[in-house]
Amino acid sequence: MCGMSTPYEEGGYVNLKRRTREALVSAARELIAGGATPRIEEAAAAAGVSRTTAYRYFPNQAALLVAAHPEMGAASLLEGSLSNDPAIRLEHVIDRFLDIIVSTELQQRTMLRLSLDPDPDRRGRLPLRQGRAIGWIEEALEPLRDDLGSRRLHSLALAIRSAVGIEALVWLTDVAGLSRQAAVDTMKWSARAMLQAANAGDHPGSPAQ
């Protein structure tokens, strides 16, 4: 995720400015990978860029951290021609989604912390607030739309997302004490179980039987 460019970046010396931006983002990612939540000044120092110049690219810390967040803007996590079986499609999407989450866990945790910011304007711009994973899950479940209807399909995607992602990983590892592999296996099991329940007629929000 590159984030939106500033008016300063759209002027002359585009290639130089792109390299400067990339250096700042790369420095921020390295600092995040080390467990920090870098301020603009810290990323600038690590990138060998002046503080004043850095602020021309990123007006605040949130903008920098959003730009440094791992790429999560893909329109789809389905690749090529897959089976029309929703179970196979869902497994593929959940596998890819969790691979992203686990391989970039420190960055994801940083975004999770920022998503709890009390300022709604800052929260709304963060990747975790965009609901991209819900769209990926809905696409995996698309073959069920005629049977479930759009409302139930969306509710199912929400239920699966609530059990799969950085939020669930943090709880399963930090609170429940599972290893990361066990946490990933649990999240995958939850996704399969919810799909199986929906196929059996037990939908999110349905009255208890």
C-alpha atoms as a PDB file:
ATOM      1  CA  MET A   1       0.000   0.000   0.000  1.00  0.00           C
ATOM      2  CA  CYS A   2       1.589   3.221  -1.161  1.00  0.00           C
ATOM      3  CA  GLY A   3      -0.947   5.648   0.248  1.00  0.00           C
ATOM      4  CA  MET A   4      -2.093   8.833  -1.438  1.00  0.00           C
ATOM      5  CA  SER A   5       0.515  11.163  -2.876  1.00  0.00           C
ATOM      6  CA  THR A   6       0.790  14.755  -1.721  1.00  0.00           C
ATOM      7  CA  PRO A   7       0.684  17.802  -4.027  1.00  0.00           C
ATOM      8  CA  TYR A   8       4.421  18.191  -3.416  1.00  0.00           C
ATOM      9  CA  GLU A   9       5.065  14.770  -4.970  1.00  0.00           C
ATOM     10  CA  GLU A  10       3.094  15.632  -8.100  1.00  0.00           C
ATOM     11  CA  GLY A  11       5.465  18.450  -9.104  1.00  0.00           C
ATOM     12  CA  GLY A  12       8.833  18.145 -10.861  1.00  0.00           C
ATOM     13  CA  TYR A  13      11.623  15.618 -10.231  1.00  0.00           C
ATOM     14  CA  VAL A  14       9.044  12.833 -10.017  1.00  0.00           C
ATOM     15  CA  ASN A  15      11.555   9.977 -10.044  1.00  0.00           C
ATOM     16  CA  LEU A  16      13.672  11.548  -7.299  1.00  0.00           C
ATOM     17  CA  LYS A  17      10.602  12.176  -5.195  1.00  0.00           C
ATOM     18  CA  ARG A  18       9.416   8.618  -5.707  1.00  0.00           C
ATOM     19  CA  ARG A  19      12.769   7.291  -4.505  1.00  0.00           C
ATOM     20  CA  THR A  20      12.644   9.564  -1.458  1.00  0.00           C
ATOM     21  CA  ARG A  21       9.153   8.395  -0.597  1.00  0.00           C
ATOM     22  CA  GLU A  22      10.165   4.769  -1.027  1.00  0.00           C
ATOM     23  CA  ALA A  23      13.180   5.326   1.256  1.00  0.00           C
ATOM     24  CA  LEU A  24      10.931   6.771   3.971  1.00  0.00           C
ATOM     25  CA  VAL A  25       8.419   3.940   3.670  1.00  0.00           C
ATOM     26  CA  SER A  26      11.176   1.307   3.672  1.00  0.00           C
ATOM     27  CA  ALA A  27      12.753   2.858   6.765  1.00  0.00           C
ATOM     28  CA  ALA A  28       9.384   2.938   8.523  1.00  0.00           C
ATOM     29  CA  ARG A  29       8.781  -0.727   7.697  1.00  0.00           C
ATOM     30  CA  GLU A  30      12.170  -1.724   9.083  1.00  0.00           C
ATOM     31  CA  LEU A  31      11.499   0.194  12.289  1.00  0.00           C
ATOM     32  CA  ILE A  32       8.058  -1.417  12.620  1.00  0.00           C
ATOM     33  CA  ALA A  33       9.590  -4.847  12.034  1.00  0.00           C
ATOM     34  CA  GLY A  34      11.856  -4.118  14.984  1.00  0.00           C
ATOM     35  CA  GLY A  35       8.862  -3.507  17.214  1.00  0.00           C
ATOM     36  CA  ALA A  36       8.719   0.302  17.013  1.00  0.00           C
ATOM     37  CA  THR A  37       5.885   2.621  16.025  1.00  0.00           C
ATOM     38  CA  PRO A  38       8.040   5.189  14.246  1.00  0.00           C
ATOM     39  CA  ARG A  39       7.379   8.904  14.187  1.00  0.00           C
ATOM     40  CA  ILE A  40       8.106  10.801  11.001  1.00  0.00           C
ATOM     41  CA  GLU A  41      11.334  12.167  12.487  1.00  0.00           C
ATOM     42  CA  GLU A  42      12.571   8.646  13.252  1.00  0.00           C
ATOM     43  CA  ALA A  43      11.795   7.350   9.771  1.00  0.00           C
ATOM     44  CA  ALA A  44      13.471  10.401   8.252  1.00  0.00           C
ATOM     45  CA  ALA A  45      16.625   9.842  10.290  1.00  0.00           C
ATOM     46  CA  ALA A  46      16.737   6.161   9.356  1.00  0.00           C
ATOM     47  CA  ALA A  47      16.249   7.006   5.677  1.00  0.00           C
ATOM     48  CA  GLY A  48      18.815   9.805   5.675  1.00  0.00           C
ATOM     49  CA  VAL A  49      16.139  12.353   4.776  1.00  0.00           C
ATOM     50  CA  SER A  50      15.640  15.701   6.477  1.00  0.00           C
ATOM     51  CA  ARG A  51      12.700  16.121   8.828  1.00  0.00           C
ATOM     52  CA  THR A  52      11.346  19.004   6.731  1.00  0.00           C
ATOM     53  CA  THR A  53      11.470  16.939   3.559  1.00  0.00           C
ATOM     54  CA  ALA A  54       9.781  13.964   5.224  1.00  0.00           C
ATOM     55  CA  TYR A  55       6.832  16.118   6.258  1.00  0.00           C
ATOM     56  CA  ARG A  56       6.318  17.083   2.616  1.00  0.00           C
ATOM     57  CA  TYR A  57       5.474  13.444   1.931  1.00  0.00           C
ATOM     58  CA  PHE A  58       3.678  12.534   5.142  1.00  0.00           C
ATOM     59  CA  PRO A  59       1.855  15.257   7.098  1.00  0.00           C
ATOM     60  CA  ASN A  60       1.494  13.077  10.191  1.00  0.00           C
ATOM     61  CA  GLN A  61       2.505   9.742  11.715  1.00  0.00           C
ATOM     62  CA  ALA A  62      -0.722   8.009  10.719  1.00  0.00           C
ATOM     63  CA  ALA A  63      -0.141   8.807   7.040  1.00  0.00           C
ATOM     64  CA  LEU A  64       3.367   7.357   7.251  1.00  0.00           C
ATOM     65  CA  LEU A  65       2.213   4.178   8.972  1.00  0.00           C
ATOM     66  CA  VAL A  66      -0.612   3.648   6.494  1.00  0.00           C
ATOM     67  CA  ALA A  67       1.890   3.925   3.632  1.00  0.00           C
ATOM     68  CA  ALA A  68       4.209   1.476   5.404  1.00  0.00           C
ATOM     69  CA  HIS A  69       1.451  -1.063   5.939  1.00  0.00           C
ATOM     70  CA  PRO A  70       1.874  -4.322   3.969  1.00  0.00           C
ATOM     71  CA  GLU A  71       0.067  -4.445   0.646  1.00  0.00           C
ATOM     72  CA  MET A  72      -3.543  -5.320   1.392  1.00  0.00           C
ATOM     73  CA  GLY A  73      -5.213  -3.486  -1.451  1.00  0.00           C
ATOM     74  CA  ALA A  74      -5.568  -6.422  -3.849  1.00  0.00           C
ATOM     75  CA  ALA A  75      -9.003  -6.551  -5.432  1.00  0.00           C
ATOM     76  CA  SER A  76      -9.035 -10.329  -5.081  1.00  0.00           C
ATOM     77  CA  LEU A  77      -7.197 -13.162  -3.342  1.00  0.00           C
ATOM     78  CA  LEU A  78      -8.503 -15.704  -5.825  1.00  0.00           C
ATOM     79  CA  GLU A  79      -6.018 -16.570  -8.543  1.00  0.00           C
ATOM     80  CA  GLY A  80      -6.710 -18.078 -11.922  1.00  0.00           C
ATOM     81  CA  SER A  81      -9.629 -20.364 -12.644  1.00  0.00           C
ATOM     82  CA  LEU A  82     -10.658 -22.028  -9.394  1.00  0.00           C
ATOM     83  CA  SER A  83     -13.330 -24.526  -8.579  1.00  0.00           C
ATOM     84  CA  ASN A  84     -16.873 -23.263  -8.189  1.00  0.00           C
ATOM     85  CA  ASP A  85     -16.951 -25.089  -4.851  1.00  0.00           C
ATOM     86  CA  PRO A  86     -17.249 -22.378  -2.175  1.00  0.00           C
ATOM     87  CA  ALA A  87     -15.369 -24.527   0.350  1.00  0.00           C
ATOM     88  CA  ILE A  88     -12.326 -24.733  -1.934  1.00  0.00           C
ATOM     89  CA  ARG A  89     -12.552 -21.054  -2.788  1.00  0.00           C
ATOM     90  CA  LEU A  90     -12.854 -20.048   0.872  1.00  0.00           C
ATOM     91  CA  GLU A  91      -9.918 -22.231   1.879  1.00  0.00           C
ATOM     92  CA  HIS A  92      -7.773 -20.590  -0.798  1.00  0.00           C
ATOM     93  CA  VAL A  93      -8.685 -17.062   0.305  1.00  0.00           C
ATOM     94  CA  ILE A  94      -8.260 -17.777   4.015  1.00  0.00           C
ATOM     95  CA  ASP A  95      -4.889 -19.432   3.393  1.00  0.00           C
ATOM     96  CA  ARG A  96      -3.621 -16.390   1.495  1.00  0.00           C
ATOM     97  CA  PHE A  97      -5.103 -13.910   3.955  1.00  0.00           C
ATOM     98  CA  LEU A  98      -3.507 -15.636   6.945  1.00  0.00           C
ATOM     99  CA  ASP A  99      -0.175 -15.904   5.140  1.00  0.00           C
ATOM    100  CA  ILE A 100      -0.217 -12.103   4.816  1.00  0.00           C
ATOM    101  CA  ILE A 101      -1.221 -11.629   8.452  1.00  0.00           C
ATOM    102  CA  VAL A 102       1.416 -13.941   9.909  1.00  0.00           C
ATOM    103  CA  SER A 103       4.273 -12.813   7.648  1.00  0.00           C
ATOM    104  CA  THR A 104       3.638  -9.155   8.530  1.00  0.00           C
ATOM    105  CA  GLU A 105       2.444  -9.622  12.100  1.00  0.00           C
ATOM    106  CA  LEU A 106       4.338  -6.734  13.657  1.00  0.00           C
ATOM    107  CA  GLN A 107       3.021  -4.273  11.085  1.00  0.00           C
ATOM    108  CA  GLN A 108      -0.474  -5.691  11.503  1.00  0.00           C
ATOM    109  CA  ARG A 109      -0.272  -5.270  15.268  1.00  0.00           C
ATOM    110  CA  THR A 110       0.758  -1.642  14.786  1.00  0.00           C
ATOM    111  CA  MET A 111      -2.259  -1.016  12.575  1.00  0.00           C
ATOM    112  CA  LEU A 112      -4.485  -2.772  15.100  1.00  0.00           C
ATOM    113  CA  ARG A 113      -3.279  -0.441  17.857  1.00  0.00           C
ATOM    114  CA  LEU A 114      -3.858   2.589  15.669  1.00  0.00           C
ATOM    115  CA  SER A 115      -7.329   1.381  14.718  1.00  0.00           C
ATOM    116  CA  LEU A 116      -8.301   1.878  18.368  1.00  0.00           C
ATOM    117  CA  ASP A 117      -7.439   5.586  18.160  1.00  0.00           C
ATOM    118  CA  PRO A 118     -10.319   7.596  19.675  1.00  0.00           C
ATOM    119  CA  ASP A 119     -10.165  10.079  16.773  1.00  0.00           C
ATOM    120  CA  PRO A 120     -12.686   8.740  14.202  1.00  0.00           C
ATOM    121  CA  ASP A 121     -11.075  10.686  11.345  1.00  0.00           C
ATOM    122  CA  ARG A 122      -7.708   9.006  11.881  1.00  0.00           C
ATOM    123  CA  ARG A 123      -9.282   5.591  12.439  1.00  0.00           C
ATOM    124  CA  GLY A 124     -11.277   5.760   9.246  1.00  0.00           C
ATOM    125  CA  ARG A 125      -8.172   6.144   7.063  1.00  0.00           C
ATOM    126  CA  LEU A 126      -6.432   3.055   8.425  1.00  0.00           C
ATOM    127  CA  PRO A 127      -6.253  -0.178   6.380  1.00  0.00           C
ATOM    128  CA  LEU A 128      -7.926  -2.270   9.091  1.00  0.00           C
ATOM    129  CA  ARG A 129     -10.963   0.001   8.905  1.00  0.00           C
ATOM    130  CA  GLN A 130     -11.501  -0.522   5.178  1.00  0.00           C
ATOM    131  CA  GLY A 131     -13.032  -4.005   5.331  1.00  0.00           C
ATOM    132  CA  ARG A 132     -11.054  -5.349   2.386  1.00  0.00           C
ATOM    133  CA  ALA A 133     -10.974  -8.877   3.779  1.00  0.00           C
ATOM    134  CA  ILE A 134     -14.773  -8.972   3.890  1.00  0.00           C
ATOM    135  CA  GLY A 135     -14.847  -8.377   0.141  1.00  0.00           C
ATOM    136  CA  TRP A 136     -12.310 -11.146  -0.425  1.00  0.00           C
ATOM    137  CA  ILE A 137     -14.371 -13.565   1.652  1.00  0.00           C
ATOM    138  CA  GLU A 138     -17.602 -12.596  -0.084  1.00  0.00           C
ATOM    139  CA  GLU A 139     -15.957 -13.262  -3.438  1.00  0.00           C
ATOM    140  CA  ALA A 140     -14.953 -16.736  -2.236  1.00  0.00           C
ATOM    141  CA  LEU A 141     -18.560 -17.392  -1.180  1.00  0.00           C
ATOM    142  CA  GLU A 142     -20.075 -15.989  -4.388  1.00  0.00           C
ATOM    143  CA  PRO A 143     -21.339 -19.398  -5.637  1.00  0.00           C
ATOM    144  CA  LEU A 144     -23.662 -19.424  -2.606  1.00  0.00           C
ATOM    145  CA  ARG A 145     -25.343 -16.105  -3.405  1.00  0.00           C
ATOM    146  CA  ASP A 146     -28.359 -17.631  -5.133  1.00  0.00           C
ATOM    147  CA  ASP A 147     -28.942 -20.037  -2.231  1.00  0.00           C
ATOM    148  CA  LEU A 148     -28.217 -17.691   0.673  1.00  0.00           C
ATOM    149  CA  GLY A 149     -29.167 -14.341  -0.768  1.00  0.00           C
ATOM    150  CA  SER A 150     -27.007 -11.236  -0.520  1.00  0.00           C
ATOM    151  CA  ARG A 151     -27.887 -10.402   3.096  1.00  0.00           C
ATOM    152  CA  ARG A 152     -27.078 -13.836   4.478  1.00  0.00           C
ATOM    153  CA  LEU A 153     -23.953 -14.149   2.364  1.00  0.00           C
ATOM    154  CA  HIS A 154     -22.699 -10.826   3.726  1.00  0.00           C
ATOM    155  CA  SER A 155     -23.543 -11.886   7.290  1.00  0.00           C
ATOM    156  CA  LEU A 156     -21.593 -15.106   6.785  1.00  0.00           C
ATOM    157  CA  ALA A 157     -18.592 -13.178   5.456  1.00  0.00           C
ATOM    158  CA  LEU A 158     -18.721 -10.899   8.509  1.00  0.00           C
ATOM    159  CA  ALA A 159     -18.871 -13.883  10.856  1.00  0.00           C
ATOM    160  CA  ILE A 160     -15.870 -15.530   9.197  1.00  0.00           C
ATOM    161  CA  ARG A 161     -13.890 -12.280   9.245  1.00  0.00           C
ATOM    162  CA  SER A 162     -14.609 -11.887  12.963  1.00  0.00           C
ATOM    163  CA  ALA A 163     -12.778 -15.179  13.576  1.00  0.00           C
ATOM    164  CA  VAL A 164      -9.952 -14.739  11.060  1.00  0.00           C
ATOM    165  CA  GLY A 165      -7.373 -11.939  11.055  1.00  0.00           C
ATOM    166  CA  ILE A 166      -4.897 -10.058  13.196  1.00  0.00           C
ATOM    167  CA  GLU A 167      -7.476  -9.482  15.948  1.00  0.00           C
ATOM    168  CA  ALA A 168      -8.091 -13.207  16.312  1.00  0.00           C
ATOM    169  CA  LEU A 169      -4.374 -14.000  16.020  1.00  0.00           C
ATOM    170  CA  VAL A 170      -3.544 -11.607  18.854  1.00  0.00           C
ATOM    171  CA  TRP A 171      -6.211 -13.080  21.123  1.00  0.00           C
ATOM    172  CA  LEU A 172      -5.347 -16.703  20.348  1.00  0.00           C
ATOM    173  CA  THR A 173      -1.608 -16.209  20.894  1.00  0.00           C
ATOM    174  CA  ASP A 174      -1.463 -13.524  23.596  1.00  0.00           C
ATOM    175  CA  VAL A 175      -4.518 -14.469  25.643  1.00  0.00           C
ATOM    176  CA  ALA A 176      -5.223 -18.123  24.886  1.00  0.00           C
ATOM    177  CA  GLY A 177      -1.519 -18.981  24.729  1.00  0.00           C
ATOM    178  CA  LEU A 178      -1.584 -20.902  21.445  1.00  0.00           C
ATOM    179  CA  SER A 179       1.400 -21.143  19.158  1.00  0.00           C
ATOM    180  CA  ARG A 180       1.066 -19.243  15.903  1.00  0.00           C
ATOM    181  CA  GLN A 181       0.569 -22.437  13.955  1.00  0.00           C
ATOM    182  CA  ALA A 182      -2.129 -23.599  16.355  1.00  0.00           C
ATOM    183  CA  ALA A 183      -3.762 -20.173  16.109  1.00  0.00           C
ATOM    184  CA  VAL A 184      -3.728 -20.332  12.302  1.00  0.00           C
ATOM    185  CA  ASP A 185      -5.188 -23.845  12.375  1.00  0.00           C
ATOM    186  CA  THR A 186      -7.928 -22.669  14.739  1.00  0.00           C
ATOM    187  CA  MET A 187      -8.837 -19.736  12.506  1.00  0.00           C
ATOM    188  CA  LYS A 188      -9.006 -21.985   9.446  1.00  0.00           C
ATOM    189  CA  TRP A 189     -11.185 -24.461  11.352  1.00  0.00           C
ATOM    190  CA  SER A 190     -13.522 -21.664  12.400  1.00  0.00           C
ATOM    191  CA  ALA A 191     -13.940 -20.509   8.796  1.00  0.00           C
ATOM    192  CA  ARG A 192     -14.725 -24.054   7.626  1.00  0.00           C
ATOM    193  CA  ALA A 193     -17.138 -24.641  10.497  1.00  0.00           C
ATOM    194  CA  MET A 194     -19.068 -21.448   9.784  1.00  0.00           C
ATOM    195  CA  LEU A 195     -19.408 -22.339   6.119  1.00  0.00           C
ATOM    196  CA  GLN A 196     -20.592 -25.837   6.995  1.00  0.00           C
ATOM    197  CA  ALA A 197     -23.154 -24.410   9.416  1.00  0.00           C
ATOM    198  CA  ALA A 198     -24.457 -22.019   6.769  1.00  0.00           C
ATOM    199  CA  ASN A 199     -24.744 -24.864   4.262  1.00  0.00           C
ATOM    200  CA  ALA A 200     -26.781 -26.767   6.863  1.00  0.00           C
ATOM    201  CA  GLY A 201     -29.190 -23.858   7.202  1.00  0.00           C
ATOM    202  CA  ASP A 202     -27.742 -22.328  10.388  1.00  0.00           C
ATOM    203  CA  HIS A 203     -27.067 -18.716   9.447  1.00  0.00           C
ATOM    204  CA  PRO A 204     -25.619 -15.855  11.493  1.00  0.00           C
ATOM    205  CA  GLY A 205     -28.422 -14.179  13.377  1.00  0.00           C
ATOM    206  CA  SER A 206     -30.804 -17.108  12.975  1.00  0.00           C
ATOM    207  CA  PRO A 207     -32.887 -18.078  16.036  1.00  0.00           C
ATOM    208  CA  ALA A 208     -31.400 -20.927  18.082  1.00  0.00           C
ATOM    209  CA  GLN A 209     -32.791 -24.294  17.101  1.00  0.00           C
END
